Structure formats: structure tokens, C-alpha cells
Amino acid sequence: MRFIADEGRDFAVVRALRDAAHDVIAAAEIFPSVDDEVILKLAHDDARILLTEDKDFGELVYAAGQKNCGVILIRFPASARRPMAEAVLEAVNRLGAALASQFAVIEPGRIRIGRGPRA
């Protein structure tokens, strides 16, 4: 699968997905300090699912109706971050293409998926 990882997320997730042969662009490596709207547009234009820990993307998708190819919002508190990369990889492997055009929230022991609005 194809992903773009927002700057504000743990790089362990990027490494885990790359190790599992997923195509992952890390914004911190290529587009440092770019605005959220630009990252979401880049993800859409390149048909990539956005990986983020920034709740502001929910606002962009639902309230502003910005086009997207899917968002995975990773919500792990500091006390539970150790299994985070494994949890994201497991969700991606299990749900696969079902994550496209969805807004998924991955939390410790829980995955919530809701269809993002079509813009």
C-alpha cells in the first residue's frame, strides 16, 4: 500500500511499514514544515493514505471537506507507545485496501473506521 506520513508522527511506524514492503513517504524527509492542507493534498494527488497523530486532519476532512484517499489517525498515549508501530502494521495488514478513502483511528486495542466525506 501507499502512504505519506505526516511530520508529527512516530518514525517507528514508517520503519515498520517500510520493512513490510509498503511504499511510505515521510513528510519530514521530503517536505519538512509543510502545512497540513498541503500534506493532505499531496497525499490525495499521489493516491496515498495519510498517517498522522494530528487530530487537525479530522477538521480538514470532515469540516472543510478536503479531498483525501484516506487518513489513519494514530492515537497512542505516551504510556502506551511501545506497541504502536506493531498495531498500525497489524491494522494495515488486516484491513488492507478497505482503509482507502476511510478515516481510521487506531488506538491501543481498538480501531475505528468511518467513511470520510466525498469531496
N, C-alpha and C. Protein backbone atom coordinates (compact mmCIF):
# COMPACT_ATOMS: atom_id res chain seq x y z
N MET A 1 0.84 -1.18 0.00
CA MET A 1 0.00 0.00 0.00
C MET A 1 0.88 1.24 0.00
N ARG A 2 0.27 2.37 -0.35
CA ARG A 2 0.99 3.63 -0.46
C ARG A 2 0.54 4.59 0.64
N PHE A 3 1.52 5.16 1.33
CA PHE A 3 1.24 6.06 2.45
C PHE A 3 2.12 7.29 2.36
N ILE A 4 1.66 8.36 3.02
CA ILE A 4 2.50 9.51 3.32
C ILE A 4 2.34 9.76 4.81
N ALA A 5 3.45 9.87 5.50
CA ALA A 5 3.44 10.06 6.95
C ALA A 5 3.65 11.53 7.26
N ASP A 6 2.72 12.08 8.00
CA ASP A 6 2.81 13.46 8.44
C ASP A 6 4.02 13.63 9.35
N GLU A 7 4.52 14.83 9.42
CA GLU A 7 5.70 15.13 10.23
C GLU A 7 5.51 14.82 11.71
N GLY A 8 4.30 14.96 12.21
CA GLY A 8 4.05 14.84 13.64
C GLY A 8 3.72 13.44 14.11
N ARG A 9 4.34 12.41 13.54
CA ARG A 9 4.07 11.05 14.00
C ARG A 9 5.39 10.34 14.28
N ASP A 10 5.30 9.27 15.04
CA ASP A 10 6.46 8.48 15.45
C ASP A 10 7.07 7.76 14.25
N PHE A 11 8.37 7.90 14.04
CA PHE A 11 9.01 7.31 12.86
C PHE A 11 9.04 5.79 12.91
N ALA A 12 8.80 5.19 14.07
CA ALA A 12 8.76 3.72 14.17
C ALA A 12 7.66 3.16 13.27
N VAL A 13 6.59 3.88 13.09
CA VAL A 13 5.50 3.43 12.21
C VAL A 13 5.99 3.40 10.76
N VAL A 14 6.71 4.44 10.34
CA VAL A 14 7.26 4.49 8.98
C VAL A 14 8.20 3.31 8.76
N ARG A 15 9.11 3.08 9.70
CA ARG A 15 10.06 1.96 9.56
C ARG A 15 9.34 0.62 9.48
N ALA A 16 8.35 0.41 10.32
CA ALA A 16 7.62 -0.87 10.33
C ALA A 16 6.91 -1.10 9.00
N LEU A 17 6.28 -0.08 8.46
CA LEU A 17 5.58 -0.23 7.19
C LEU A 17 6.56 -0.42 6.04
N ARG A 18 7.67 0.31 6.05
CA ARG A 18 8.69 0.12 5.01
C ARG A 18 9.29 -1.28 5.09
N ASP A 19 9.56 -1.76 6.29
CA ASP A 19 10.11 -3.12 6.47
C ASP A 19 9.15 -4.17 5.93
N ALA A 20 7.85 -3.87 5.94
CA ALA A 20 6.84 -4.80 5.43
C ALA A 20 6.55 -4.55 3.94
N ALA A 21 7.43 -3.81 3.28
CA ALA A 21 7.38 -3.57 1.83
C ALA A 21 6.25 -2.64 1.39
N HIS A 22 5.77 -1.78 2.29
CA HIS A 22 4.81 -0.76 1.89
C HIS A 22 5.57 0.46 1.40
N ASP A 23 4.97 1.21 0.49
CA ASP A 23 5.56 2.41 -0.08
C ASP A 23 5.18 3.59 0.83
N VAL A 24 6.15 4.09 1.59
CA VAL A 24 5.88 5.15 2.57
C VAL A 24 6.80 6.33 2.33
N ILE A 25 6.20 7.49 2.10
CA ILE A 25 6.93 8.75 2.03
C ILE A 25 6.78 9.42 3.40
N ALA A 26 7.87 9.88 3.97
CA ALA A 26 7.82 10.60 5.24
C ALA A 26 7.97 12.09 4.95
N ALA A 27 6.97 12.87 5.32
CA ALA A 27 7.00 14.31 5.07
C ALA A 27 8.23 14.96 5.68
N ALA A 28 8.67 14.47 6.83
CA ALA A 28 9.84 15.04 7.50
C ALA A 28 11.09 14.91 6.64
N GLU A 29 11.14 13.89 5.80
CA GLU A 29 12.31 13.67 4.94
C GLU A 29 12.26 14.50 3.66
N ILE A 30 11.06 14.75 3.17
CA ILE A 30 10.92 15.38 1.85
C ILE A 30 10.29 16.77 1.90
N PHE A 31 9.29 16.95 2.76
CA PHE A 31 8.54 18.21 2.84
C PHE A 31 8.52 18.73 4.27
N PRO A 32 9.67 19.02 4.88
CA PRO A 32 9.64 19.46 6.28
C PRO A 32 8.88 20.78 6.45
N SER A 33 8.14 20.86 7.53
CA SER A 33 7.41 22.07 7.94
C SER A 33 6.33 22.53 6.96
N VAL A 34 5.77 21.61 6.19
CA VAL A 34 4.71 21.99 5.26
C VAL A 34 3.36 21.95 6.00
N ASP A 35 2.43 22.80 5.56
CA ASP A 35 1.11 22.89 6.19
C ASP A 35 0.31 21.61 6.03
N ASP A 36 -0.61 21.37 6.97
CA ASP A 36 -1.46 20.19 6.94
C ASP A 36 -2.26 20.09 5.64
N GLU A 37 -2.81 21.22 5.17
CA GLU A 37 -3.59 21.22 3.94
C GLU A 37 -2.76 20.74 2.76
N VAL A 38 -1.50 21.15 2.72
CA VAL A 38 -0.61 20.76 1.62
C VAL A 38 -0.30 19.26 1.70
N ILE A 39 -0.05 18.76 2.90
CA ILE A 39 0.23 17.32 3.06
C ILE A 39 -0.97 16.50 2.60
N LEU A 40 -2.18 16.90 2.99
CA LEU A 40 -3.36 16.16 2.60
C LEU A 40 -3.57 16.21 1.09
N LYS A 41 -3.29 17.35 0.48
CA LYS A 41 -3.40 17.47 -0.98
C LYS A 41 -2.35 16.60 -1.67
N LEU A 42 -1.12 16.61 -1.16
CA LEU A 42 -0.07 15.75 -1.74
C LEU A 42 -0.48 14.28 -1.65
N ALA A 43 -1.03 13.89 -0.51
CA ALA A 43 -1.48 12.51 -0.33
C ALA A 43 -2.57 12.18 -1.35
N HIS A 44 -3.54 13.06 -1.51
CA HIS A 44 -4.63 12.83 -2.46
C HIS A 44 -4.10 12.75 -3.89
N ASP A 45 -3.27 13.72 -4.27
CA ASP A 45 -2.76 13.78 -5.64
C ASP A 45 -1.90 12.57 -6.01
N ASP A 46 -1.25 11.97 -5.01
CA ASP A 46 -0.38 10.81 -5.26
C ASP A 46 -1.05 9.50 -4.83
N ALA A 47 -2.34 9.54 -4.54
CA ALA A 47 -3.13 8.36 -4.15
C ALA A 47 -2.50 7.62 -2.98
N ARG A 48 -2.21 8.38 -1.90
CA ARG A 48 -1.62 7.80 -0.70
C ARG A 48 -2.53 8.01 0.50
N ILE A 49 -2.52 7.07 1.41
CA ILE A 49 -3.23 7.20 2.68
C ILE A 49 -2.33 7.98 3.63
N LEU A 50 -2.89 8.96 4.30
CA LEU A 50 -2.13 9.79 5.23
C LEU A 50 -2.04 9.12 6.60
N LEU A 51 -0.84 9.04 7.15
CA LEU A 51 -0.59 8.57 8.52
C LEU A 51 -0.30 9.80 9.37
N THR A 52 -1.02 9.96 10.46
CA THR A 52 -0.81 11.14 11.29
C THR A 52 -1.16 10.88 12.75
N GLU A 53 -0.66 11.74 13.60
CA GLU A 53 -1.07 11.76 15.00
C GLU A 53 -1.75 13.10 15.32
N ASP A 54 -2.04 13.87 14.29
CA ASP A 54 -2.59 15.21 14.41
C ASP A 54 -4.11 15.20 14.17
N LYS A 55 -4.88 15.50 15.21
CA LYS A 55 -6.34 15.50 15.12
C LYS A 55 -6.87 16.57 14.18
N ASP A 56 -6.05 17.56 13.83
CA ASP A 56 -6.49 18.62 12.93
C ASP A 56 -6.92 18.08 11.57
N PHE A 57 -6.41 16.91 11.18
CA PHE A 57 -6.79 16.34 9.89
C PHE A 57 -8.26 15.94 9.87
N GLY A 58 -8.83 15.62 11.01
CA GLY A 58 -10.26 15.35 11.09
C GLY A 58 -11.06 16.58 10.69
N GLU A 59 -10.62 17.73 11.16
CA GLU A 59 -11.25 19.00 10.80
C GLU A 59 -11.16 19.25 9.29
N LEU A 60 -9.99 18.99 8.72
CA LEU A 60 -9.80 19.20 7.28
C LEU A 60 -10.68 18.27 6.45
N VAL A 61 -10.81 17.03 6.88
CA VAL A 61 -11.59 16.04 6.13
C VAL A 61 -13.08 16.25 6.32
N TYR A 62 -13.53 16.38 7.57
CA TYR A 62 -14.96 16.43 7.83
C TYR A 62 -15.55 17.84 7.73
N ALA A 63 -14.93 18.82 8.36
CA ALA A 63 -15.50 20.17 8.36
C ALA A 63 -15.18 20.93 7.07
N ALA A 64 -13.93 20.83 6.60
CA ALA A 64 -13.54 21.57 5.40
C ALA A 64 -13.79 20.77 4.13
N GLY A 65 -14.03 19.45 4.26
CA GLY A 65 -14.32 18.62 3.09
C GLY A 65 -13.17 18.46 2.13
N GLN A 66 -11.94 18.54 2.64
CA GLN A 66 -10.78 18.42 1.75
C GLN A 66 -10.67 16.99 1.19
N LYS A 67 -10.40 16.90 -0.10
CA LYS A 67 -10.27 15.60 -0.77
C LYS A 67 -9.14 14.80 -0.13
N ASN A 68 -9.34 13.49 -0.07
CA ASN A 68 -8.31 12.63 0.51
C ASN A 68 -8.49 11.21 0.00
N CYS A 69 -7.46 10.41 0.17
CA CYS A 69 -7.50 8.99 -0.21
C CYS A 69 -7.53 8.11 1.02
N GLY A 70 -7.79 8.72 2.15
CA GLY A 70 -7.84 8.01 3.41
C GLY A 70 -6.87 8.61 4.42
N VAL A 71 -7.25 8.52 5.67
CA VAL A 71 -6.43 9.04 6.77
C VAL A 71 -6.41 7.98 7.87
N ILE A 72 -5.23 7.73 8.41
CA ILE A 72 -5.10 6.90 9.61
C ILE A 72 -4.59 7.80 10.71
N LEU A 73 -5.46 8.07 11.67
CA LEU A 73 -5.11 8.88 12.84
C LEU A 73 -4.65 7.93 13.94
N ILE A 74 -3.42 8.08 14.37
CA ILE A 74 -2.82 7.20 15.38
C ILE A 74 -2.89 7.91 16.73
N ARG A 75 -3.60 7.31 17.68
CA ARG A 75 -3.83 7.93 18.98
C ARG A 75 -3.33 7.00 20.09
N PHE A 76 -2.06 7.06 20.39
CA PHE A 76 -1.46 6.27 21.46
C PHE A 76 -0.88 7.23 22.50
N PRO A 77 -1.31 7.12 23.76
CA PRO A 77 -0.73 8.00 24.79
C PRO A 77 0.74 7.63 25.03
N ALA A 78 1.47 8.55 25.61
CA ALA A 78 2.90 8.33 25.87
C ALA A 78 3.16 7.04 26.62
N SER A 79 2.27 6.67 27.51
CA SER A 79 2.46 5.47 28.32
C SER A 79 2.23 4.17 27.55
N ALA A 80 1.68 4.26 26.33
CA ALA A 80 1.35 3.05 25.57
C ALA A 80 1.93 3.05 24.17
N ARG A 81 3.02 3.78 23.94
CA ARG A 81 3.55 3.92 22.59
C ARG A 81 4.39 2.73 22.11
N ARG A 82 4.84 1.92 23.00
CA ARG A 82 5.73 0.83 22.61
C ARG A 82 5.12 -0.08 21.53
N PRO A 83 3.86 -0.51 21.65
CA PRO A 83 3.28 -1.40 20.63
C PRO A 83 2.64 -0.66 19.44
N MET A 84 2.83 0.65 19.35
CA MET A 84 2.15 1.45 18.34
C MET A 84 2.47 1.01 16.91
N ALA A 85 3.73 0.89 16.57
CA ALA A 85 4.10 0.53 15.20
C ALA A 85 3.53 -0.84 14.83
N GLU A 86 3.60 -1.77 15.74
CA GLU A 86 3.06 -3.11 15.50
C GLU A 86 1.55 -3.06 15.31
N ALA A 87 0.86 -2.24 16.08
CA ALA A 87 -0.59 -2.11 15.97
C ALA A 87 -1.00 -1.52 14.62
N VAL A 88 -0.26 -0.52 14.16
CA VAL A 88 -0.57 0.09 12.86
C VAL A 88 -0.30 -0.92 11.75
N LEU A 89 0.83 -1.60 11.80
CA LEU A 89 1.15 -2.60 10.79
C LEU A 89 0.10 -3.71 10.77
N GLU A 90 -0.32 -4.16 11.92
CA GLU A 90 -1.34 -5.21 12.00
C GLU A 90 -2.65 -4.73 11.38
N ALA A 91 -3.05 -3.49 11.66
CA ALA A 91 -4.28 -2.94 11.09
C ALA A 91 -4.18 -2.84 9.58
N VAL A 92 -3.05 -2.37 9.08
CA VAL A 92 -2.86 -2.25 7.64
C VAL A 92 -2.88 -3.63 6.98
N ASN A 93 -2.21 -4.59 7.57
CA ASN A 93 -2.18 -5.94 7.00
C ASN A 93 -3.56 -6.59 7.04
N ARG A 94 -4.31 -6.36 8.08
CA ARG A 94 -5.62 -6.98 8.24
C ARG A 94 -6.68 -6.31 7.38
N LEU A 95 -6.66 -4.97 7.33
CA LEU A 95 -7.72 -4.24 6.65
C LEU A 95 -7.38 -3.88 5.20
N GLY A 96 -6.09 -3.76 4.91
CA GLY A 96 -5.62 -3.51 3.54
C GLY A 96 -6.36 -2.41 2.82
N ALA A 97 -6.81 -2.72 1.62
CA ALA A 97 -7.45 -1.74 0.75
C ALA A 97 -8.73 -1.17 1.34
N ALA A 98 -9.30 -1.81 2.34
CA ALA A 98 -10.50 -1.28 2.99
C ALA A 98 -10.23 0.06 3.68
N LEU A 99 -8.96 0.39 3.89
CA LEU A 99 -8.61 1.66 4.52
C LEU A 99 -8.66 2.83 3.54
N ALA A 100 -8.64 2.55 2.25
CA ALA A 100 -8.67 3.61 1.24
C ALA A 100 -9.97 4.40 1.35
N SER A 101 -9.86 5.70 1.30
CA SER A 101 -10.99 6.63 1.38
C SER A 101 -11.73 6.58 2.71
N GLN A 102 -11.11 6.03 3.72
CA GLN A 102 -11.70 5.95 5.05
C GLN A 102 -10.94 6.87 6.01
N PHE A 103 -11.57 7.18 7.11
CA PHE A 103 -10.90 7.89 8.19
C PHE A 103 -10.84 6.90 9.34
N ALA A 104 -9.65 6.34 9.57
CA ALA A 104 -9.47 5.32 10.61
C ALA A 104 -8.72 5.91 11.79
N VAL A 105 -9.13 5.51 12.98
CA VAL A 105 -8.45 5.91 14.20
C VAL A 105 -7.94 4.63 14.86
N ILE A 106 -6.63 4.57 15.06
CA ILE A 106 -6.03 3.41 15.70
C ILE A 106 -5.58 3.82 17.09
N GLU A 107 -6.12 3.12 18.09
CA GLU A 107 -5.80 3.35 19.48
C GLU A 107 -5.37 2.03 20.09
N PRO A 108 -4.77 2.04 21.27
CA PRO A 108 -4.40 0.77 21.90
C PRO A 108 -5.62 -0.17 22.01
N GLY A 109 -5.55 -1.31 21.35
CA GLY A 109 -6.61 -2.31 21.42
C GLY A 109 -7.88 -1.99 20.66
N ARG A 110 -7.86 -0.96 19.80
CA ARG A 110 -9.10 -0.53 19.15
C ARG A 110 -8.83 0.16 17.82
N ILE A 111 -9.68 -0.15 16.83
CA ILE A 111 -9.63 0.54 15.54
C ILE A 111 -11.05 0.99 15.21
N ARG A 112 -11.20 2.27 14.91
CA ARG A 112 -12.49 2.81 14.50
C ARG A 112 -12.34 3.29 13.06
N ILE A 113 -13.32 2.95 12.24
CA ILE A 113 -13.25 3.35 10.83
C ILE A 113 -14.57 4.01 10.45
N GLY A 114 -14.45 5.18 9.86
CA GLY A 114 -15.62 5.88 9.36
C GLY A 114 -15.31 6.44 7.98
N ARG A 115 -16.24 6.35 7.08
CA ARG A 115 -16.03 6.86 5.74
C ARG A 115 -15.87 8.38 5.80
N GLY A 116 -14.81 8.85 5.21
CA GLY A 116 -14.63 10.29 5.10
C GLY A 116 -15.61 10.85 4.08
N PRO A 117 -16.00 12.09 4.21
CA PRO A 117 -16.93 12.67 3.24
C PRO A 117 -16.29 12.74 1.86
N ARG A 118 -17.05 12.53 0.85
CA ARG A 118 -16.55 12.63 -0.54
C ARG A 118 -16.59 14.10 -0.94
N ALA A 119 -15.43 14.59 -1.34
CA ALA A 119 -15.37 16.00 -1.75
C ALA A 119 -15.27 16.10 -3.25
